[in-house]
Amino acid sequence: MTDLFSEFIADLREGFERAAPSLALWVNNPQDRAALDAVFRFAHTVRGNAGFLDLERFERLCDGAERGLAQARAGQVPVMPDFVAGVAALVERLGTLADAVEAGVGLSDADEPDMVRAIGFEPIDKRRDEKQGAAPVQRRTRTVRIPTEQFELLATSMEEVEAGQRELLELMSFVEPNSPMLPAITELSTRIASMARALTASSQQLV
């Protein structure tokens, strides 16, 4: 595993261990708002990190769990036993997957799209938007040259922006969990993660 991926797995396992007691509390009592908030913060943090590293399988699981938890927090869905169990299964799969990766063993993802659909969402699929059989559109590739020092500064700044945004969301969730600003901040997180992925891809281009 690369250093970044190893750190991601280690952070995920540590975060899951911290969130597991809150998950158990929420499953037993879906009205426990503090437990719900703790599990939401875990899913949101992992999703942001997975998006930054372009780890679609982890991102798909987190996306389903986070959307379900967000709707539960906003009172937009009836928190029925099947819904709670479905969200909990997604969160628990994250922990199981991290253990499997660390142990170097395979874990099928065949059931994961249906796990997301079971709680009422369509799983994200970055290949879904590609039109099957369509002729590719030819575009002229344009490039720019950036000095290495400036590019490294840009990458560092992006990491700091993403970390600051996550801290802002966690603080807002704690101080004002029903704030109407939370959806906007969550959307900002998604856009920042997308920018970070583009930056990471650029850094991997051969020149």
C-alpha atoms as a PDB file:
ATOM      1  CA  MET A   1       0.000   0.000   0.000  1.00  0.00           C
ATOM      2  CA  THR A   2       1.119   3.560  -0.644  1.00  0.00           C
ATOM      3  CA  ASP A   3       1.814   5.803   2.331  1.00  0.00           C
ATOM      4  CA  LEU A   4      -1.351   7.853   1.739  1.00  0.00           C
ATOM      5  CA  PHE A   5      -3.524   4.760   1.408  1.00  0.00           C
ATOM      6  CA  SER A   6      -1.964   3.198   4.510  1.00  0.00           C
ATOM      7  CA  GLU A   7      -2.712   6.379   6.450  1.00  0.00           C
ATOM      8  CA  PHE A   8      -6.272   6.367   5.116  1.00  0.00           C
ATOM      9  CA  ILE A   9      -6.851   2.781   6.301  1.00  0.00           C
ATOM     10  CA  ALA A  10      -5.279   3.484   9.696  1.00  0.00           C
ATOM     11  CA  ASP A  11      -7.398   6.624  10.162  1.00  0.00           C
ATOM     12  CA  LEU A  12     -10.528   4.763   9.055  1.00  0.00           C
ATOM     13  CA  ARG A  13      -9.985   1.934  11.545  1.00  0.00           C
ATOM     14  CA  GLU A  14      -9.249   4.382  14.353  1.00  0.00           C
ATOM     15  CA  GLY A  15     -12.314   6.448  13.492  1.00  0.00           C
ATOM     16  CA  PHE A  16     -14.500   3.358  13.263  1.00  0.00           C
ATOM     17  CA  GLU A  17     -13.376   2.182  16.691  1.00  0.00           C
ATOM     18  CA  ARG A  18     -14.346   5.570  18.124  1.00  0.00           C
ATOM     19  CA  ALA A  19     -17.676   5.637  16.272  1.00  0.00           C
ATOM     20  CA  ALA A  20     -18.686   2.010  16.967  1.00  0.00           C
ATOM     21  CA  PRO A  21     -20.076   2.673  20.485  1.00  0.00           C
ATOM     22  CA  SER A  22     -22.136   5.590  19.143  1.00  0.00           C
ATOM     23  CA  LEU A  23     -23.389   3.408  16.290  1.00  0.00           C
ATOM     24  CA  ALA A  24     -24.538   0.765  18.778  1.00  0.00           C
ATOM     25  CA  LEU A  25     -26.292   3.429  20.862  1.00  0.00           C
ATOM     26  CA  TRP A  26     -28.080   4.839  17.806  1.00  0.00           C
ATOM     27  CA  VAL A  27     -29.194   1.393  16.623  1.00  0.00           C
ATOM     28  CA  ASN A  28     -30.698   0.711  20.053  1.00  0.00           C
ATOM     29  CA  ASN A  29     -32.177   4.201  20.341  1.00  0.00           C
ATOM     30  CA  PRO A  30     -32.631   6.042  17.005  1.00  0.00           C
ATOM     31  CA  GLN A  31     -33.694   9.150  18.946  1.00  0.00           C
ATOM     32  CA  ASP A  32     -30.224   9.509  20.499  1.00  0.00           C
ATOM     33  CA  ARG A  33     -29.125  12.678  18.706  1.00  0.00           C
ATOM     34  CA  ALA A  34     -25.597  12.762  20.141  1.00  0.00           C
ATOM     35  CA  ALA A  35     -24.923   9.223  18.913  1.00  0.00           C
ATOM     36  CA  LEU A  36     -26.405  10.033  15.494  1.00  0.00           C
ATOM     37  CA  ASP A  37     -24.204  13.126  15.168  1.00  0.00           C
ATOM     38  CA  ALA A  38     -21.074  11.150  16.074  1.00  0.00           C
ATOM     39  CA  VAL A  39     -21.753   8.498  13.430  1.00  0.00           C
ATOM     40  CA  PHE A  40     -22.535  11.187  10.836  1.00  0.00           C
ATOM     41  CA  ARG A  41     -19.220  12.942  11.491  1.00  0.00           C
ATOM     42  CA  PHE A  42     -17.366   9.655  11.053  1.00  0.00           C
ATOM     43  CA  ALA A  43     -19.059   8.887   7.724  1.00  0.00           C
ATOM     44  CA  HIS A  44     -18.537  12.431   6.465  1.00  0.00           C
ATOM     45  CA  THR A  45     -14.842  12.464   7.365  1.00  0.00           C
ATOM     46  CA  VAL A  46     -14.172   9.108   5.707  1.00  0.00           C
ATOM     47  CA  ARG A  47     -16.081  10.170   2.605  1.00  0.00           C
ATOM     48  CA  GLY A  48     -13.978  13.316   2.274  1.00  0.00           C
ATOM     49  CA  ASN A  49     -10.743  11.367   2.640  1.00  0.00           C
ATOM     50  CA  ALA A  50     -11.908   8.670   0.209  1.00  0.00           C
ATOM     51  CA  GLY A  51     -12.892  11.313  -2.316  1.00  0.00           C
ATOM     52  CA  PHE A  52      -9.504  12.993  -2.015  1.00  0.00           C
ATOM     53  CA  LEU A  53      -7.751   9.690  -2.773  1.00  0.00           C
ATOM     54  CA  ASP A  54     -10.332   8.704  -5.421  1.00  0.00           C
ATOM     55  CA  LEU A  55     -11.246   5.477  -3.587  1.00  0.00           C
ATOM     56  CA  GLU A  56     -14.647   4.928  -5.162  1.00  0.00           C
ATOM     57  CA  ARG A  57     -15.609   1.812  -3.200  1.00  0.00           C
ATOM     58  CA  PHE A  58     -15.117   3.527   0.159  1.00  0.00           C
ATOM     59  CA  GLU A  59     -16.713   6.702  -1.174  1.00  0.00           C
ATOM     60  CA  ARG A  60     -19.799   4.785  -2.353  1.00  0.00           C
ATOM     61  CA  LEU A  61     -20.340   3.222   1.078  1.00  0.00           C
ATOM     62  CA  CYS A  62     -19.799   6.545   2.849  1.00  0.00           C
ATOM     63  CA  ASP A  63     -22.039   8.434   0.445  1.00  0.00           C
ATOM     64  CA  GLY A  64     -24.967   6.120   1.147  1.00  0.00           C
ATOM     65  CA  ALA A  65     -24.416   6.167   4.901  1.00  0.00           C
ATOM     66  CA  GLU A  66     -23.891   9.930   5.038  1.00  0.00           C
ATOM     67  CA  ARG A  67     -27.022  10.727   3.027  1.00  0.00           C
ATOM     68  CA  GLY A  68     -29.098   8.411   5.188  1.00  0.00           C
ATOM     69  CA  LEU A  69     -27.699   9.879   8.393  1.00  0.00           C
ATOM     70  CA  ALA A  70     -28.167  13.438   7.100  1.00  0.00           C
ATOM     71  CA  GLN A  71     -31.837  12.795   6.363  1.00  0.00           C
ATOM     72  CA  ALA A  72     -32.297  11.213   9.789  1.00  0.00           C
ATOM     73  CA  ARG A  73     -30.714  14.265  11.420  1.00  0.00           C
ATOM     74  CA  ALA A  74     -32.984  16.589   9.458  1.00  0.00           C
ATOM     75  CA  GLY A  75     -36.095  14.545  10.253  1.00  0.00           C
ATOM     76  CA  GLN A  76     -36.712  13.980   6.541  1.00  0.00           C
ATOM     77  CA  VAL A  77     -37.225  10.215   6.817  1.00  0.00           C
ATOM     78  CA  PRO A  78     -39.029   8.040   9.360  1.00  0.00           C
ATOM     79  CA  VAL A  79     -36.304   6.339  11.363  1.00  0.00           C
ATOM     80  CA  MET A  80     -37.668   2.814  11.087  1.00  0.00           C
ATOM     81  CA  PRO A  81     -35.764  -0.337  12.180  1.00  0.00           C
ATOM     82  CA  ASP A  82     -35.020  -1.420   8.586  1.00  0.00           C
ATOM     83  CA  PHE A  83     -33.614   2.006   7.732  1.00  0.00           C
ATOM     84  CA  VAL A  84     -31.437   2.111  10.853  1.00  0.00           C
ATOM     85  CA  ALA A  85     -30.182  -1.420  10.197  1.00  0.00           C
ATOM     86  CA  GLY A  86     -29.391  -0.525   6.581  1.00  0.00           C
ATOM     87  CA  VAL A  87     -27.361   2.548   7.502  1.00  0.00           C
ATOM     88  CA  ALA A  88     -25.580   0.628  10.264  1.00  0.00           C
ATOM     89  CA  ALA A  89     -24.687  -2.131   7.785  1.00  0.00           C
ATOM     90  CA  LEU A  90     -22.978   0.412   5.512  1.00  0.00           C
ATOM     91  CA  VAL A  91     -20.971   1.877   8.388  1.00  0.00           C
ATOM     92  CA  GLU A  92     -20.004  -1.568   9.652  1.00  0.00           C
ATOM     93  CA  ARG A  93     -18.911  -2.598   6.144  1.00  0.00           C
ATOM     94  CA  LEU A  94     -16.400   0.252   6.205  1.00  0.00           C
ATOM     95  CA  GLY A  95     -14.770  -1.254   9.281  1.00  0.00           C
ATOM     96  CA  THR A  96     -14.851  -4.759   7.810  1.00  0.00           C
ATOM     97  CA  LEU A  97     -13.360  -3.538   4.539  1.00  0.00           C
ATOM     98  CA  ALA A  98     -10.554  -1.715   6.337  1.00  0.00           C
ATOM     99  CA  ASP A  99      -9.709  -4.901   8.263  1.00  0.00           C
ATOM    100  CA  ALA A 100      -9.719  -6.927   5.034  1.00  0.00           C
ATOM    101  CA  VAL A 101      -7.438  -4.469   3.250  1.00  0.00           C
ATOM    102  CA  GLU A 102      -5.004  -4.396   6.148  1.00  0.00           C
ATOM    103  CA  ALA A 103      -4.969  -8.209   6.304  1.00  0.00           C
ATOM    104  CA  GLY A 104      -4.453  -8.457   2.547  1.00  0.00           C
ATOM    105  CA  VAL A 105      -7.579 -10.538   1.922  1.00  0.00           C
ATOM    106  CA  GLY A 106     -10.299 -10.004  -0.653  1.00  0.00           C
ATOM    107  CA  LEU A 107     -13.821  -8.875   0.188  1.00  0.00           C
ATOM    108  CA  SER A 108     -16.480  -8.928  -2.514  1.00  0.00           C
ATOM    109  CA  ASP A 109     -18.300  -5.681  -3.247  1.00  0.00           C
ATOM    110  CA  ALA A 110     -21.110  -7.365  -5.192  1.00  0.00           C
ATOM    111  CA  ASP A 111     -23.749  -6.626  -2.554  1.00  0.00           C
ATOM    112  CA  GLU A 112     -22.704  -3.059  -1.770  1.00  0.00           C
ATOM    113  CA  PRO A 113     -24.772  -1.238  -4.435  1.00  0.00           C
ATOM    114  CA  ASP A 114     -27.882  -3.046  -3.170  1.00  0.00           C
ATOM    115  CA  MET A 115     -26.954  -2.131   0.410  1.00  0.00           C
ATOM    116  CA  VAL A 116     -27.117   1.533  -0.603  1.00  0.00           C
ATOM    117  CA  ARG A 117     -30.365   1.042  -2.528  1.00  0.00           C
ATOM    118  CA  ALA A 118     -31.893  -0.675   0.515  1.00  0.00           C
ATOM    119  CA  ILE A 119     -31.993   2.667   2.335  1.00  0.00           C
ATOM    120  CA  GLY A 120     -33.454   4.505  -0.636  1.00  0.00           C
ATOM    121  CA  PHE A 121     -30.468   5.880  -2.549  1.00  0.00           C
ATOM    122  CA  GLU A 122     -28.820   5.153  -5.866  1.00  0.00           C
ATOM    123  CA  PRO A 123     -25.130   4.330  -5.317  1.00  0.00           C
ATOM    124  CA  ILE A 124     -22.602   6.643  -6.902  1.00  0.00           C
ATOM    125  CA  ASP A 125     -20.837   5.217  -9.938  1.00  0.00           C
ATOM    126  CA  LYS A 126     -18.295   7.403 -11.687  1.00  0.00           C
ATOM    127  CA  ARG A 127     -18.486   5.241 -14.786  1.00  0.00           C
ATOM    128  CA  ARG A 128     -22.263   5.485 -15.039  1.00  0.00           C
ATOM    129  CA  ASP A 129     -22.170   8.766 -16.924  1.00  0.00           C
ATOM    130  CA  GLU A 130     -20.074   7.315 -19.715  1.00  0.00           C
ATOM    131  CA  LYS A 131     -22.307   6.611 -22.712  1.00  0.00           C
ATOM    132  CA  GLN A 132     -21.941   3.037 -23.836  1.00  0.00           C
ATOM    133  CA  GLY A 133     -20.999   2.725 -27.496  1.00  0.00           C
ATOM    134  CA  ALA A 134     -20.877   6.468 -28.099  1.00  0.00           C
ATOM    135  CA  ALA A 135     -18.060   7.759 -30.253  1.00  0.00           C
ATOM    136  CA  PRO A 136     -15.599   9.722 -28.138  1.00  0.00           C
ATOM    137  CA  VAL A 137     -15.541  13.445 -28.691  1.00  0.00           C
ATOM    138  CA  GLN A 138     -12.130  14.557 -29.866  1.00  0.00           C
ATOM    139  CA  ARG A 139     -10.868  17.566 -27.961  1.00  0.00           C
ATOM    140  CA  ARG A 140      -7.610  19.388 -28.202  1.00  0.00           C
ATOM    141  CA  THR A 141      -5.636  18.918 -25.014  1.00  0.00           C
ATOM    142  CA  ARG A 142      -4.312  22.120 -23.531  1.00  0.00           C
ATOM    143  CA  THR A 143      -1.536  22.136 -20.969  1.00  0.00           C
ATOM    144  CA  VAL A 144       0.086  24.662 -18.685  1.00  0.00           C
ATOM    145  CA  ARG A 145       3.471  24.606 -17.001  1.00  0.00           C
ATOM    146  CA  ILE A 146       3.725  25.345 -13.289  1.00  0.00           C
ATOM    147  CA  PRO A 147       7.025  25.489 -11.401  1.00  0.00           C
ATOM    148  CA  THR A 148       7.387  22.555  -9.008  1.00  0.00           C
ATOM    149  CA  GLU A 149       7.628  24.835  -5.970  1.00  0.00           C
ATOM    150  CA  GLN A 150       4.360  26.568  -6.836  1.00  0.00           C
ATOM    151  CA  PHE A 151       2.605  23.269  -7.505  1.00  0.00           C
ATOM    152  CA  GLU A 152       3.717  21.872  -4.141  1.00  0.00           C
ATOM    153  CA  LEU A 153       2.483  25.048  -2.445  1.00  0.00           C
ATOM    154  CA  LEU A 154      -0.865  24.677  -4.220  1.00  0.00           C
ATOM    155  CA  ALA A 155      -1.157  21.035  -3.129  1.00  0.00           C
ATOM    156  CA  THR A 156      -0.323  21.908   0.477  1.00  0.00           C
ATOM    157  CA  SER A 157      -2.826  24.762   0.471  1.00  0.00           C
ATOM    158  CA  MET A 158      -5.541  22.459  -0.868  1.00  0.00           C
ATOM    159  CA  GLU A 159      -4.887  19.968   1.935  1.00  0.00           C
ATOM    160  CA  GLU A 160      -5.175  22.781   4.490  1.00  0.00           C
ATOM    161  CA  VAL A 161      -8.421  24.037   2.938  1.00  0.00           C
ATOM    162  CA  GLU A 162      -9.946  20.549   3.020  1.00  0.00           C
ATOM    163  CA  ALA A 163      -8.868  19.984   6.630  1.00  0.00           C
ATOM    164  CA  GLY A 164     -10.262  23.375   7.644  1.00  0.00           C
ATOM    165  CA  GLN A 165     -13.567  22.649   5.939  1.00  0.00           C
ATOM    166  CA  ARG A 166     -13.904  19.331   7.783  1.00  0.00           C
ATOM    167  CA  GLU A 167     -13.227  21.069  11.094  1.00  0.00           C
ATOM    168  CA  LEU A 168     -15.830  23.709  10.234  1.00  0.00           C
ATOM    169  CA  LEU A 169     -18.457  21.055   9.504  1.00  0.00           C
ATOM    170  CA  GLU A 170     -17.701  19.160  12.713  1.00  0.00           C
ATOM    171  CA  LEU A 171     -17.902  22.382  14.741  1.00  0.00           C
ATOM    172  CA  MET A 172     -21.149  23.434  13.067  1.00  0.00           C
ATOM    173  CA  SER A 173     -22.637  19.966  13.618  1.00  0.00           C
ATOM    174  CA  PHE A 174     -21.765  20.172  17.307  1.00  0.00           C
ATOM    175  CA  VAL A 175     -22.725  23.798  17.993  1.00  0.00           C
ATOM    176  CA  GLU A 176     -25.800  24.074  15.772  1.00  0.00           C
ATOM    177  CA  PRO A 177     -26.808  20.600  14.494  1.00  0.00           C
ATOM    178  CA  ASN A 178     -30.022  21.872  12.887  1.00  0.00           C
ATOM    179  CA  SER A 179     -28.404  24.783  11.078  1.00  0.00           C
ATOM    180  CA  PRO A 180     -29.712  25.348   7.524  1.00  0.00           C
ATOM    181  CA  MET A 181     -26.086  25.977   6.549  1.00  0.00           C
ATOM    182  CA  LEU A 182     -25.087  22.322   6.979  1.00  0.00           C
ATOM    183  CA  PRO A 183     -26.261  21.171   3.511  1.00  0.00           C
ATOM    184  CA  ALA A 184     -24.314  24.018   1.898  1.00  0.00           C
ATOM    185  CA  ILE A 185     -21.182  23.160   3.873  1.00  0.00           C
ATOM    186  CA  THR A 186     -21.550  19.497   2.918  1.00  0.00           C
ATOM    187  CA  GLU A 187     -21.839  20.475  -0.749  1.00  0.00           C
ATOM    188  CA  LEU A 188     -18.730  22.627  -0.367  1.00  0.00           C
ATOM    189  CA  SER A 189     -16.906  19.587   1.006  1.00  0.00           C
ATOM    190  CA  THR A 190     -17.858  17.578  -2.072  1.00  0.00           C
ATOM    191  CA  ARG A 191     -16.595  20.307  -4.401  1.00  0.00           C
ATOM    192  CA  ILE A 192     -13.321  20.677  -2.501  1.00  0.00           C
ATOM    193  CA  ALA A 193     -12.789  16.896  -2.645  1.00  0.00           C
ATOM    194  CA  SER A 194     -13.368  17.023  -6.414  1.00  0.00           C
ATOM    195  CA  MET A 195     -10.785  19.782  -6.781  1.00  0.00           C
ATOM    196  CA  ALA A 196      -8.349  17.788  -4.671  1.00  0.00           C
ATOM    197  CA  ARG A 197      -8.809  14.719  -6.887  1.00  0.00           C
ATOM    198  CA  ALA A 198      -8.106  16.793  -9.976  1.00  0.00           C
ATOM    199  CA  LEU A 199      -4.989  18.206  -8.356  1.00  0.00           C
ATOM    200  CA  THR A 200      -3.798  14.739  -7.341  1.00  0.00           C
ATOM    201  CA  ALA A 201      -4.361  13.450 -10.879  1.00  0.00           C
ATOM    202  CA  SER A 202      -2.362  16.369 -12.256  1.00  0.00           C
ATOM    203  CA  SER A 203       0.534  15.588  -9.949  1.00  0.00           C
ATOM    204  CA  GLN A 204       0.653  12.049 -11.326  1.00  0.00           C
ATOM    205  CA  GLN A 205       0.987  13.101 -14.977  1.00  0.00           C
ATOM    206  CA  LEU A 206       4.318  12.346 -16.593  1.00  0.00           C
ATOM    207  CA  VAL A 207       6.102  15.395 -17.986  1.00  0.00           C
END
